[in-house]
Structures are given as structure tokens and as C-alpha cells.
């Protein structure tokens, strides 16, 4: 079992971020885009911005499972990017609504309850 200091260091906990541009010009494209967004939501992702979804993970192995899920359900059209960053890197994000700062999401506390 990993040492508690390492778990809380901000380097073991990860965020998987999926960014995508999927065309929505035809009914088939719109259905495909909706199915992809639903897949992300069902897999525990939540919307950070339009077409950018994120999900906290407690370790690299857990993050890999979610990246694999995305890769196995890529839409036929469009572009998808997946990036994994540490909790520490995620916590340095600056988030603004207009010119007002907003506190970024932090769902990582829930990971350590289980």
C-alpha cells in the first residue's frame, strides 16, 4: 500500500481531460456527438467547458482505464484529444468567468473516501 504522504502529494492523483470537436451538421453527426458526450458523463466525467470534460482519478492505472474507454468509443468523425495531468498541475489552473476569478473544480477529495 502506498504511503499516505505520497497519496496526498498531488502527484499520484490524476485528472483525465478529454477535448473534442465533433461535427454536428447532420442528424447522424449530432447523434454521434451526443452519444460521445453521454459516454463521458456515464464514465464519471463532467463538463469543464464546452467540449472539454474532466475526470479525477486516484492513480495512473485508474486514469488508463478511462483513457482506454474513450479510445474504444471514438466517434467516426471529428477530433478527440486526451490529456492526463497530476492533481497538483490541475490545481494551478486559473479559471475566470468574464473578468472575475472562479474557483476551479476539485472533486478529488471524493476519491480518498472509498
PDB file of N, CA and C in Angstrom:
ATOM      1  N   UNK A   1       0.848  -1.185   0.000  1.00  0.00           N
ATOM      2  CA  UNK A   1       0.000   0.000   0.000  1.00  0.00           C
ATOM      3  C   UNK A   1       0.889   1.241   0.000  1.00  0.00           C
ATOM      4  N   UNK A   2       0.583   2.251  -0.855  1.00  0.00           N
ATOM      5  CA  UNK A   2       1.412   3.454  -0.921  1.00  0.00           C
ATOM      6  C   UNK A   2       1.368   4.227   0.390  1.00  0.00           C
ATOM      7  N   UNK A   3       2.452   4.932   0.657  1.00  0.00           N
ATOM      8  CA  UNK A   3       2.489   5.770   1.847  1.00  0.00           C
ATOM      9  C   UNK A   3       1.488   6.905   1.713  1.00  0.00           C
ATOM     10  N   UNK A   4       0.893   7.324   2.817  1.00  0.00           N
ATOM     11  CA  UNK A   4      -0.114   8.380   2.824  1.00  0.00           C
ATOM     12  C   UNK A   4       0.460   9.686   2.291  1.00  0.00           C
ATOM     13  N   UNK A   5       1.724   9.999   2.614  1.00  0.00           N
ATOM     14  CA  UNK A   5       2.328  11.254   2.146  1.00  0.00           C
ATOM     15  C   UNK A   5       2.343  11.304   0.619  1.00  0.00           C
ATOM     16  N   UNK A   6       2.608  10.150  -0.008  1.00  0.00           N
ATOM     17  CA  UNK A   6       2.675  10.108  -1.463  1.00  0.00           C
ATOM     18  C   UNK A   6       1.293  10.305  -2.075  1.00  0.00           C
ATOM     19  N   UNK A   7       0.274   9.698  -1.480  1.00  0.00           N
ATOM     20  CA  UNK A   7      -1.091   9.847  -1.990  1.00  0.00           C
ATOM     21  C   UNK A   7      -1.511  11.301  -1.915  1.00  0.00           C
ATOM     22  N   UNK A   8      -1.197  11.973  -0.833  1.00  0.00           N
ATOM     23  CA  UNK A   8      -1.602  13.357  -0.651  1.00  0.00           C
ATOM     24  C   UNK A   8      -0.642  14.354  -1.299  1.00  0.00           C
ATOM     25  N   UNK A   9       0.406  13.882  -1.947  1.00  0.00           N
ATOM     26  CA  UNK A   9       1.397  14.789  -2.504  1.00  0.00           C
ATOM     27  C   UNK A   9       0.888  15.545  -3.722  1.00  0.00           C
ATOM     28  N   UNK A  10      -0.172  15.072  -4.356  1.00  0.00           N
ATOM     29  CA  UNK A  10      -0.667  15.728  -5.549  1.00  0.00           C
ATOM     30  C   UNK A  10      -0.086  15.171  -6.831  1.00  0.00           C
ATOM     31  N   UNK A  11       0.822  14.198  -6.713  1.00  0.00           N
ATOM     32  CA  UNK A  11       1.430  13.626  -7.905  1.00  0.00           C
ATOM     33  C   UNK A  11       0.834  12.281  -8.295  1.00  0.00           C
ATOM     34  N   UNK A  12       0.268  11.550  -7.357  1.00  0.00           N
ATOM     35  CA  UNK A  12      -0.327  10.266  -7.705  1.00  0.00           C
ATOM     36  C   UNK A  12      -1.741  10.464  -8.249  1.00  0.00           C
ATOM     37  N   UNK A  13      -2.510  11.347  -7.647  1.00  0.00           N
ATOM     38  CA  UNK A  13      -3.862  11.611  -8.142  1.00  0.00           C
ATOM     39  C   UNK A  13      -3.755  12.317  -9.494  1.00  0.00           C
ATOM     40  N   UNK A  14      -4.619  11.927 -10.404  1.00  0.00           N
ATOM     41  CA  UNK A  14      -4.550  12.421 -11.784  1.00  0.00           C
ATOM     42  C   UNK A  14      -5.898  12.981 -12.216  1.00  0.00           C
ATOM     43  N   UNK A  15      -5.868  13.772 -13.262  1.00  0.00           N
ATOM     44  CA  UNK A  15      -7.069  14.210 -13.964  1.00  0.00           C
ATOM     45  C   UNK A  15      -6.941  13.772 -15.408  1.00  0.00           C
ATOM     46  N   UNK A  16      -7.964  13.130 -15.936  1.00  0.00           N
ATOM     47  CA  UNK A  16      -8.026  12.810 -17.356  1.00  0.00           C
ATOM     48  C   UNK A  16      -8.945  13.864 -17.975  1.00  0.00           C
ATOM     49  N   UNK A  17      -8.441  14.526 -18.995  1.00  0.00           N
ATOM     50  CA  UNK A  17      -9.202  15.576 -19.659  1.00  0.00           C
ATOM     51  C   UNK A  17      -9.387  15.182 -21.118  1.00  0.00           C
ATOM     52  N   UNK A  18     -10.637  15.185 -21.565  1.00  0.00           N
ATOM     53  CA  UNK A  18     -10.972  14.879 -22.958  1.00  0.00           C
ATOM     54  C   UNK A  18     -11.459  16.162 -23.623  1.00  0.00           C
ATOM     55  N   UNK A  19     -10.826  16.499 -24.735  1.00  0.00           N
ATOM     56  CA  UNK A  19     -11.205  17.682 -25.516  1.00  0.00           C
ATOM     57  C   UNK A  19     -11.605  17.186 -26.898  1.00  0.00           C
ATOM     58  N   UNK A  20     -12.699  17.702 -27.423  1.00  0.00           N
ATOM     59  CA  UNK A  20     -13.148  17.170 -28.702  1.00  0.00           C
ATOM     60  C   UNK A  20     -13.872  18.218 -29.531  1.00  0.00           C
ATOM     61  N   UNK A  21     -13.768  18.051 -30.839  1.00  0.00           N
ATOM     62  CA  UNK A  21     -14.536  18.787 -31.832  1.00  0.00           C
ATOM     63  C   UNK A  21     -15.182  17.739 -32.724  1.00  0.00           C
ATOM     64  N   UNK A  22     -16.474  17.588 -32.588  1.00  0.00           N
ATOM     65  CA  UNK A  22     -17.219  16.607 -33.370  1.00  0.00           C
ATOM     66  C   UNK A  22     -18.244  17.377 -34.188  1.00  0.00           C
ATOM     67  N   UNK A  23     -18.278  17.173 -35.506  1.00  0.00           N
ATOM     68  CA  UNK A  23     -19.246  17.910 -36.324  1.00  0.00           C
ATOM     69  C   UNK A  23     -20.681  17.572 -35.931  1.00  0.00           C
ATOM     70  N   UNK A  24     -21.554  18.566 -36.075  1.00  0.00           N
ATOM     71  CA  UNK A  24     -22.973  18.368 -35.752  1.00  0.00           C
ATOM     72  C   UNK A  24     -23.846  18.874 -36.901  1.00  0.00           C
ATOM     73  N   UNK A  25     -23.363  18.728 -38.126  1.00  0.00           N
ATOM     74  CA  UNK A  25     -24.078  19.262 -39.292  1.00  0.00           C
ATOM     75  C   UNK A  25     -25.200  18.354 -39.782  1.00  0.00           C
ATOM     76  N   UNK A  26     -25.097  17.063 -39.549  1.00  0.00           N
ATOM     77  CA  UNK A  26     -26.145  16.132 -39.988  1.00  0.00           C
ATOM     78  C   UNK A  26     -26.767  15.458 -38.764  1.00  0.00           C
ATOM     79  N   UNK A  27     -27.945  14.908 -38.918  1.00  0.00           N
ATOM     80  CA  UNK A  27     -28.549  14.178 -37.787  1.00  0.00           C
ATOM     81  C   UNK A  27     -27.662  13.048 -37.271  1.00  0.00           C
ATOM     82  N   UNK A  28     -26.965  12.356 -38.167  1.00  0.00           N
ATOM     83  CA  UNK A  28     -26.060  11.271 -37.747  1.00  0.00           C
ATOM     84  C   UNK A  28     -24.907  11.825 -36.931  1.00  0.00           C
ATOM     85  N   UNK A  29     -24.342  12.949 -37.372  1.00  0.00           N
ATOM     86  CA  UNK A  29     -23.245  13.586 -36.627  1.00  0.00           C
ATOM     87  C   UNK A  29     -23.718  14.044 -35.252  1.00  0.00           C
ATOM     88  N   UNK A  30     -24.904  14.650 -35.186  1.00  0.00           N
ATOM     89  CA  UNK A  30     -25.429  15.121 -33.891  1.00  0.00           C
ATOM     90  C   UNK A  30     -25.642  13.951 -32.942  1.00  0.00           C
ATOM     91  N   UNK A  31     -26.142  12.845 -33.465  1.00  0.00           N
ATOM     92  CA  UNK A  31     -26.358  11.647 -32.642  1.00  0.00           C
ATOM     93  C   UNK A  31     -25.020  11.119 -32.124  1.00  0.00           C
ATOM     94  N   UNK A  32     -24.021  11.086 -33.005  1.00  0.00           N
ATOM     95  CA  UNK A  32     -22.695  10.606 -32.617  1.00  0.00           C
ATOM     96  C   UNK A  32     -22.083  11.497 -31.540  1.00  0.00           C
ATOM     97  N   UNK A  33     -22.215  12.811 -31.703  1.00  0.00           N
ATOM     98  CA  UNK A  33     -21.678  13.746 -30.699  1.00  0.00           C
ATOM     99  C   UNK A  33     -22.394  13.576 -29.364  1.00  0.00           C
ATOM    100  N   UNK A  34     -23.709  13.417 -29.413  1.00  0.00           N
ATOM    101  CA  UNK A  34     -24.485  13.221 -28.176  1.00  0.00           C
ATOM    102  C   UNK A  34     -24.100  11.918 -27.481  1.00  0.00           C
ATOM    103  N   UNK A  35     -23.921  10.867 -28.256  1.00  0.00           N
ATOM    104  CA  UNK A  35     -23.527   9.581 -27.670  1.00  0.00           C
ATOM    105  C   UNK A  35     -22.149   9.673 -27.023  1.00  0.00           C
ATOM    106  N   UNK A  36     -21.233  10.405 -27.655  1.00  0.00           N
ATOM    107  CA  UNK A  36     -19.893  10.547 -27.085  1.00  0.00           C
ATOM    108  C   UNK A  36     -19.942  11.329 -25.773  1.00  0.00           C
ATOM    109  N   UNK A  37     -20.693  12.432 -25.746  1.00  0.00           N
ATOM    110  CA  UNK A  37     -20.837  13.202 -24.508  1.00  0.00           C
ATOM    111  C   UNK A  37     -21.478  12.349 -23.416  1.00  0.00           C
ATOM    112  N   UNK A  38     -22.502  11.565 -23.778  1.00  0.00           N
ATOM    113  CA  UNK A  38     -23.161  10.693 -22.800  1.00  0.00           C
ATOM    114  C   UNK A  38     -22.189   9.640 -22.265  1.00  0.00           C
ATOM    115  N   UNK A  39     -21.356   9.089 -23.135  1.00  0.00           N
ATOM    116  CA  UNK A  39     -20.337   8.136 -22.691  1.00  0.00           C
ATOM    117  C   UNK A  39     -19.437   8.772 -21.632  1.00  0.00           C
ATOM    118  N   UNK A  40     -18.982   9.989 -21.894  1.00  0.00           N
ATOM    119  CA  UNK A  40     -18.118  10.670 -20.933  1.00  0.00           C
ATOM    120  C   UNK A  40     -18.832  10.875 -19.605  1.00  0.00           C
ATOM    121  N   UNK A  41     -20.066  11.348 -19.656  1.00  0.00           N
ATOM    122  CA  UNK A  41     -20.823  11.578 -18.414  1.00  0.00           C
ATOM    123  C   UNK A  41     -21.048  10.273 -17.656  1.00  0.00           C
ATOM    124  N   UNK A  42     -21.396   9.216 -18.379  1.00  0.00           N
ATOM    125  CA  UNK A  42     -21.615   7.910 -17.740  1.00  0.00           C
ATOM    126  C   UNK A  42     -20.334   7.348 -17.130  1.00  0.00           C
ATOM    127  N   UNK A  43     -19.188   7.771 -17.668  1.00  0.00           N
ATOM    128  CA  UNK A  43     -17.893   7.290 -17.173  1.00  0.00           C
ATOM    129  C   UNK A  43     -17.340   8.188 -16.061  1.00  0.00           C
ATOM    130  N   UNK A  44     -18.141   9.128 -15.575  1.00  0.00           N
ATOM    131  CA  UNK A  44     -17.728   9.947 -14.444  1.00  0.00           C
ATOM    132  C   UNK A  44     -17.082  11.266 -14.804  1.00  0.00           C
ATOM    133  N   UNK A  45     -17.045  11.610 -16.073  1.00  0.00           N
ATOM    134  CA  UNK A  45     -16.514  12.906 -16.485  1.00  0.00           C
ATOM    135  C   UNK A  45     -17.574  13.967 -16.246  1.00  0.00           C
ATOM    136  N   UNK A  46     -17.140  15.208 -16.115  1.00  0.00           N
ATOM    137  CA  UNK A  46     -18.084  16.313 -16.072  1.00  0.00           C
ATOM    138  C   UNK A  46     -17.531  17.449 -16.918  1.00  0.00           C
ATOM    139  N   UNK A  47     -18.421  18.311 -17.372  1.00  0.00           N
ATOM    140  CA  UNK A  47     -18.033  19.361 -18.297  1.00  0.00           C
ATOM    141  C   UNK A  47     -17.247  20.455 -17.581  1.00  0.00           C
ATOM    142  N   UNK A  48     -16.044  20.723 -18.073  1.00  0.00           N
ATOM    143  CA  UNK A  48     -15.250  21.842 -17.593  1.00  0.00           C
ATOM    144  C   UNK A  48     -15.561  23.085 -18.419  1.00  0.00           C
ATOM    145  N   UNK A  49     -15.701  22.900 -19.715  1.00  0.00           N
ATOM    146  CA  UNK A  49     -16.105  23.919 -20.681  1.00  0.00           C
ATOM    147  C   UNK A  49     -16.773  23.167 -21.815  1.00  0.00           C
ATOM    148  N   UNK A  50     -17.366  23.900 -22.760  1.00  0.00           N
ATOM    149  CA  UNK A  50     -17.954  23.216 -23.911  1.00  0.00           C
ATOM    150  C   UNK A  50     -16.899  22.352 -24.581  1.00  0.00           C
ATOM    151  N   UNK A  51     -17.215  21.123 -24.816  1.00  0.00           N
ATOM    152  CA  UNK A  51     -16.341  20.153 -25.493  1.00  0.00           C
ATOM    153  C   UNK A  51     -15.051  19.855 -24.745  1.00  0.00           C
ATOM    154  N   UNK A  52     -14.990  20.177 -23.465  1.00  0.00           N
ATOM    155  CA  UNK A  52     -13.853  19.812 -22.613  1.00  0.00           C
ATOM    156  C   UNK A  52     -14.415  19.199 -21.336  1.00  0.00           C
ATOM    157  N   UNK A  53     -14.122  17.928 -21.141  1.00  0.00           N
ATOM    158  CA  UNK A  53     -14.641  17.198 -19.993  1.00  0.00           C
ATOM    159  C   UNK A  53     -13.468  16.661 -19.185  1.00  0.00           C
ATOM    160  N   UNK A  54     -13.612  16.618 -17.866  1.00  0.00           N
ATOM    161  CA  UNK A  54     -12.547  16.142 -16.998  1.00  0.00           C
ATOM    162  C   UNK A  54     -13.066  15.138 -15.986  1.00  0.00           C
ATOM    163  N   UNK A  55     -12.129  14.334 -15.496  1.00  0.00           N
ATOM    164  CA  UNK A  55     -12.473  13.321 -14.509  1.00  0.00           C
ATOM    165  C   UNK A  55     -11.280  13.087 -13.595  1.00  0.00           C
ATOM    166  N   UNK A  56     -11.479  13.168 -12.276  1.00  0.00           N
ATOM    167  CA  UNK A  56     -10.379  12.851 -11.360  1.00  0.00           C
ATOM    168  C   UNK A  56     -10.192  11.339 -11.236  1.00  0.00           C
ATOM    169  N   UNK A  57      -8.953  10.926 -11.072  1.00  0.00           N
ATOM    170  CA  UNK A  57      -8.608   9.511 -10.882  1.00  0.00           C
ATOM    171  C   UNK A  57      -7.597   9.428  -9.747  1.00  0.00           C
ATOM    172  N   UNK A  58      -7.609   8.341  -9.003  1.00  0.00           N
ATOM    173  CA  UNK A  58      -6.723   8.245  -7.844  1.00  0.00           C
ATOM    174  C   UNK A  58      -5.328   7.732  -8.177  1.00  0.00           C
ATOM    175  N   UNK A  59      -5.105   7.257  -9.419  1.00  0.00           N
ATOM    176  CA  UNK A  59      -3.773   6.786  -9.790  1.00  0.00           C
ATOM    177  C   UNK A  59      -3.682   6.660 -11.312  1.00  0.00           C
ATOM    178  N   UNK A  60      -2.488   6.428 -11.813  1.00  0.00           N
ATOM    179  CA  UNK A  60      -2.267   6.292 -13.251  1.00  0.00           C
ATOM    180  C   UNK A  60      -3.020   5.099 -13.831  1.00  0.00           C
ATOM    181  N   UNK A  61      -3.082   3.982 -13.118  1.00  0.00           N
ATOM    182  CA  UNK A  61      -3.790   2.801 -13.623  1.00  0.00           C
ATOM    183  C   UNK A  61      -5.278   3.100 -13.815  1.00  0.00           C
ATOM    184  N   UNK A  62      -5.857   3.823 -12.879  1.00  0.00           N
ATOM    185  CA  UNK A  62      -7.261   4.217 -12.968  1.00  0.00           C
ATOM    186  C   UNK A  62      -7.454   5.163 -14.153  1.00  0.00           C
ATOM    187  N   UNK A  63      -6.547   6.108 -14.338  1.00  0.00           N
ATOM    188  CA  UNK A  63      -6.619   7.042 -15.465  1.00  0.00           C
ATOM    189  C   UNK A  63      -6.531   6.292 -16.791  1.00  0.00           C
ATOM    190  N   UNK A  64      -5.668   5.275 -16.856  1.00  0.00           N
ATOM    191  CA  UNK A  64      -5.510   4.496 -18.085  1.00  0.00           C
ATOM    192  C   UNK A  64      -6.817   3.806 -18.468  1.00  0.00           C
ATOM    193  N   UNK A  65      -7.543   3.285 -17.482  1.00  0.00           N
ATOM    194  CA  UNK A  65      -8.832   2.640 -17.769  1.00  0.00           C
ATOM    195  C   UNK A  65      -9.793   3.598 -18.455  1.00  0.00           C
ATOM    196  N   UNK A  66      -9.821   4.840 -17.994  1.00  0.00           N
ATOM    197  CA  UNK A  66     -10.737   5.817 -18.572  1.00  0.00           C
ATOM    198  C   UNK A  66     -10.259   6.298 -19.945  1.00  0.00           C
ATOM    199  N   UNK A  67      -8.956   6.407 -20.137  1.00  0.00           N
ATOM    200  CA  UNK A  67      -8.436   6.732 -21.478  1.00  0.00           C
ATOM    201  C   UNK A  67      -8.777   5.608 -22.447  1.00  0.00           C
ATOM    202  N   UNK A  68      -8.636   4.366 -22.008  1.00  0.00           N
ATOM    203  CA  UNK A  68      -8.969   3.215 -22.858  1.00  0.00           C
ATOM    204  C   UNK A  68     -10.454   3.212 -23.228  1.00  0.00           C
ATOM    205  N   UNK A  69     -11.313   3.579 -22.281  1.00  0.00           N
ATOM    206  CA  UNK A  69     -12.753   3.651 -22.557  1.00  0.00           C
ATOM    207  C   UNK A  69     -13.024   4.668 -23.659  1.00  0.00           C
ATOM    208  N   UNK A  70     -12.401   5.829 -23.556  1.00  0.00           N
ATOM    209  CA  UNK A  70     -12.590   6.851 -24.588  1.00  0.00           C
ATOM    210  C   UNK A  70     -12.088   6.342 -25.932  1.00  0.00           C
ATOM    211  N   UNK A  71     -10.885   5.776 -25.950  1.00  0.00           N
ATOM    212  CA  UNK A  71     -10.308   5.287 -27.211  1.00  0.00           C
ATOM    213  C   UNK A  71     -11.184   4.220 -27.865  1.00  0.00           C
ATOM    214  N   UNK A  72     -11.848   3.412 -27.067  1.00  0.00           N
ATOM    215  CA  UNK A  72     -12.671   2.344 -27.638  1.00  0.00           C
ATOM    216  C   UNK A  72     -14.029   2.847 -28.127  1.00  0.00           C
ATOM    217  N   UNK A  73     -14.357   4.112 -27.859  1.00  0.00           N
ATOM    218  CA  UNK A  73     -15.650   4.668 -28.286  1.00  0.00           C
ATOM    219  C   UNK A  73     -15.484   5.967 -29.075  1.00  0.00           C
ATOM    220  N   UNK A  74     -14.386   6.106 -29.804  1.00  0.00           N
ATOM    221  CA  UNK A  74     -14.167   7.331 -30.575  1.00  0.00           C
ATOM    222  C   UNK A  74     -15.224   7.470 -31.666  1.00  0.00           C
ATOM    223  N   UNK A  75     -15.746   8.679 -31.861  1.00  0.00           N
ATOM    224  CA  UNK A  75     -16.711   8.877 -32.945  1.00  0.00           C
ATOM    225  C   UNK A  75     -16.030   8.751 -34.306  1.00  0.00           C
ATOM    226  N   UNK A  76     -16.810   8.441 -35.326  1.00  0.00           N
ATOM    227  CA  UNK A  76     -16.257   8.253 -36.670  1.00  0.00           C
ATOM    228  C   UNK A  76     -15.692   9.544 -37.241  1.00  0.00           C
ATOM    229  N   UNK A  77     -16.321  10.663 -36.923  1.00  0.00           N
ATOM    230  CA  UNK A  77     -15.873  11.966 -37.426  1.00  0.00           C
ATOM    231  C   UNK A  77     -15.427  12.843 -36.269  1.00  0.00           C
ATOM    232  N   UNK A  78     -14.613  13.828 -36.579  1.00  0.00           N
ATOM    233  CA  UNK A  78     -14.206  14.783 -35.565  1.00  0.00           C
ATOM    234  C   UNK A  78     -12.844  14.465 -34.993  1.00  0.00           C
ATOM    235  N   UNK A  79     -12.482  15.251 -34.001  1.00  0.00           N
ATOM    236  CA  UNK A  79     -11.163  15.145 -33.387  1.00  0.00           C
ATOM    237  C   UNK A  79     -11.322  15.046 -31.877  1.00  0.00           C
ATOM    238  N   UNK A  80     -10.584  14.132 -31.268  1.00  0.00           N
ATOM    239  CA  UNK A  80     -10.606  13.950 -29.819  1.00  0.00           C
ATOM    240  C   UNK A  80      -9.162  13.974 -29.325  1.00  0.00           C
ATOM    241  N   UNK A  81      -8.922  14.730 -28.263  1.00  0.00           N
ATOM    242  CA  UNK A  81      -7.609  14.756 -27.603  1.00  0.00           C
ATOM    243  C   UNK A  81      -7.815  14.350 -26.152  1.00  0.00           C
ATOM    244  N   UNK A  82      -6.901  13.547 -25.638  1.00  0.00           N
ATOM    245  CA  UNK A  82      -6.961  13.115 -24.237  1.00  0.00           C
ATOM    246  C   UNK A  82      -5.632  13.503 -23.602  1.00  0.00           C
ATOM    247  N   UNK A  83      -5.712  14.149 -22.461  1.00  0.00           N
ATOM    248  CA  UNK A  83      -4.504  14.513 -21.724  1.00  0.00           C
ATOM    249  C   UNK A  83      -4.695  14.099 -20.269  1.00  0.00           C
ATOM    250  N   UNK A  84      -3.629  13.654 -19.651  1.00  0.00           N
ATOM    251  CA  UNK A  84      -3.662  13.297 -18.235  1.00  0.00           C
ATOM    252  C   UNK A  84      -2.662  14.187 -17.516  1.00  0.00           C
ATOM    253  N   UNK A  85      -3.126  14.838 -16.466  1.00  0.00           N
ATOM    254  CA  UNK A  85      -2.251  15.705 -15.674  1.00  0.00           C
ATOM    255  C   UNK A  85      -2.410  15.338 -14.197  1.00  0.00           C
ATOM    256  N   UNK A  86      -1.426  15.722 -13.410  1.00  0.00           N
ATOM    257  CA  UNK A  86      -1.491  15.423 -11.981  1.00  0.00           C
ATOM    258  C   UNK A  86      -2.464  16.375 -11.290  1.00  0.00           C
ATOM    259  N   UNK A  87      -2.906  15.974 -10.124  1.00  0.00           N
ATOM    260  CA  UNK A  87      -3.770  16.827  -9.307  1.00  0.00           C
ATOM    261  C   UNK A  87      -3.058  18.152  -9.010  1.00  0.00           C
ATOM    262  N   UNK A  88      -1.775  18.087  -8.778  1.00  0.00           N
ATOM    263  CA  UNK A  88      -1.019  19.307  -8.487  1.00  0.00           C
ATOM    264  C   UNK A  88      -1.042  20.257  -9.688  1.00  0.00           C
ATOM    265  N   UNK A  89      -0.859  19.728 -10.888  1.00  0.00           N
ATOM    266  CA  UNK A  89      -0.918  20.566 -12.085  1.00  0.00           C
ATOM    267  C   UNK A  89      -2.332  21.127 -12.280  1.00  0.00           C
ATOM    268  N   UNK A  90      -3.341  20.291 -12.073  1.00  0.00           N
ATOM    269  CA  UNK A  90      -4.725  20.732 -12.226  1.00  0.00           C
ATOM    270  C   UNK A  90      -5.045  21.856 -11.247  1.00  0.00           C
ATOM    271  N   UNK A  91      -4.505  21.762 -10.040  1.00  0.00           N
ATOM    272  CA  UNK A  91      -4.820  22.758  -9.010  1.00  0.00           C
ATOM    273  C   UNK A  91      -4.213  24.127  -9.307  1.00  0.00           C
ATOM    274  N   UNK A  92      -3.270  24.201 -10.258  1.00  0.00           N
ATOM    275  CA  UNK A  92      -2.700  25.510 -10.610  1.00  0.00           C
ATOM    276  C   UNK A  92      -3.500  26.210 -11.708  1.00  0.00           C
ATOM    277  N   UNK A  93      -4.554  25.565 -12.199  1.00  0.00           N
ATOM    278  CA  UNK A  93      -5.376  26.156 -13.248  1.00  0.00           C
ATOM    279  C   UNK A  93      -6.022  27.448 -12.742  1.00  0.00           C
ATOM    280  N   UNK A  94      -6.032  28.449 -13.588  1.00  0.00           N
ATOM    281  CA  UNK A  94      -6.758  29.684 -13.291  1.00  0.00           C
ATOM    282  C   UNK A  94      -8.042  29.647 -14.093  1.00  0.00           C
ATOM    283  N   UNK A  95      -9.142  29.974 -13.456  1.00  0.00           N
ATOM    284  CA  UNK A  95     -10.458  29.866 -14.061  1.00  0.00           C
ATOM    285  C   UNK A  95     -11.179  31.199 -13.905  1.00  0.00           C
ATOM    286  N   UNK A  96     -11.660  31.767 -15.008  1.00  0.00           N
ATOM    287  CA  UNK A  96     -12.337  33.054 -14.982  1.00  0.00           C
ATOM    288  C   UNK A  96     -13.680  32.963 -15.687  1.00  0.00           C
ATOM    289  N   UNK A  97     -14.634  33.683 -15.157  1.00  0.00           N
ATOM    290  CA  UNK A  97     -15.914  33.880 -15.819  1.00  0.00           C
ATOM    291  C   UNK A  97     -15.991  35.378 -16.074  1.00  0.00           C
ATOM    292  N   UNK A  98     -15.871  35.755 -17.352  1.00  0.00           N
ATOM    293  CA  UNK A  98     -15.678  37.169 -17.654  1.00  0.00           C
ATOM    294  C   UNK A  98     -14.324  37.565 -17.092  1.00  0.00           C
ATOM    295  N   UNK A  99     -14.280  38.619 -16.317  1.00  0.00           N
ATOM    296  CA  UNK A  99     -13.020  39.038 -15.702  1.00  0.00           C
ATOM    297  C   UNK A  99     -12.932  38.627 -14.238  1.00  0.00           C
ATOM    298  N   UNK A 100     -13.947  37.921 -13.769  1.00  0.00           N
ATOM    299  CA  UNK A 100     -13.979  37.518 -12.365  1.00  0.00           C
ATOM    300  C   UNK A 100     -13.380  36.138 -12.185  1.00  0.00           C
ATOM    301  N   UNK A 101     -12.465  35.983 -11.222  1.00  0.00           N
ATOM    302  CA  UNK A 101     -11.915  34.641 -10.973  1.00  0.00           C
ATOM    303  C   UNK A 101     -12.984  33.728 -10.383  1.00  0.00           C
ATOM    304  N   UNK A 102     -12.879  32.466 -10.731  1.00  0.00           N
ATOM    305  CA  UNK A 102     -13.794  31.455 -10.211  1.00  0.00           C
ATOM    306  C   UNK A 102     -12.956  30.290  -9.717  1.00  0.00           C
ATOM    307  N   UNK A 103     -13.340  29.699  -8.597  1.00  0.00           N
ATOM    308  CA  UNK A 103     -12.610  28.564  -8.051  1.00  0.00           C
ATOM    309  C   UNK A 103     -12.760  27.368  -8.970  1.00  0.00           C
ATOM    310  N   UNK A 104     -11.636  26.746  -9.384  1.00  0.00           N
ATOM    311  CA  UNK A 104     -11.732  25.559 -10.242  1.00  0.00           C
ATOM    312  C   UNK A 104     -12.373  24.387  -9.506  1.00  0.00           C
ATOM    313  N   UNK A 105     -12.854  23.432 -10.277  1.00  0.00           N
ATOM    314  CA  UNK A 105     -13.450  22.228  -9.719  1.00  0.00           C
ATOM    315  C   UNK A 105     -12.398  21.456  -8.939  1.00  0.00           C
ATOM    316  N   UNK A 106     -12.832  20.784  -7.881  1.00  0.00           N
ATOM    317  CA  UNK A 106     -11.929  19.916  -7.129  1.00  0.00           C
ATOM    318  C   UNK A 106     -12.739  18.764  -6.571  1.00  0.00           C
ATOM    319  N   UNK A 107     -12.922  17.751  -7.377  1.00  0.00           N
ATOM    320  CA  UNK A 107     -13.673  16.567  -6.936  1.00  0.00           C
ATOM    321  C   UNK A 107     -12.753  15.506  -6.381  1.00  0.00           C
ATOM    322  N   UNK A 108     -11.478  15.781  -6.288  1.00  0.00           N
ATOM    323  CA  UNK A 108     -10.513  14.762  -5.911  1.00  0.00           C
ATOM    324  C   UNK A 108     -10.677  14.310  -4.469  1.00  0.00           C
ATOM    325  N   UNK A 109     -11.248  15.157  -3.601  1.00  0.00           N
ATOM    326  CA  UNK A 109     -11.436  14.770  -2.207  1.00  0.00           C
ATOM    327  C   UNK A 109     -12.296  13.508  -2.108  1.00  0.00           C
ATOM    328  N   UNK A 110     -13.235  13.341  -3.035  1.00  0.00           N
ATOM    329  CA  UNK A 110     -14.119  12.188  -3.010  1.00  0.00           C
ATOM    330  C   UNK A 110     -13.356  10.885  -3.260  1.00  0.00           C
ATOM    331  N   UNK A 111     -12.254  10.962  -3.954  1.00  0.00           N
ATOM    332  CA  UNK A 111     -11.503   9.755  -4.292  1.00  0.00           C
ATOM    333  C   UNK A 111     -10.945   9.045  -3.067  1.00  0.00           C
ATOM    334  N   UNK A 112     -10.650   9.791  -2.029  1.00  0.00           N
ATOM    335  CA  UNK A 112      -9.995   9.208  -0.874  1.00  0.00           C
ATOM    336  C   UNK A 112     -10.988   8.712   0.174  1.00  0.00           C
ATOM    337  N   UNK A 113     -12.279   8.889  -0.064  1.00  0.00           N
ATOM    338  CA  UNK A 113     -13.292   8.399   0.855  1.00  0.00           C
ATOM    339  C   UNK A 113     -13.428   6.895   0.753  1.00  0.00           C
ATOM    340  N   UNK A 114     -13.298   6.365  -0.466  1.00  0.00           N
ATOM    341  CA  UNK A 114     -13.546   4.950  -0.702  1.00  0.00           C
ATOM    342  C   UNK A 114     -12.419   4.109  -0.246  1.00  0.00           C
TER     343      UNK A 114
END
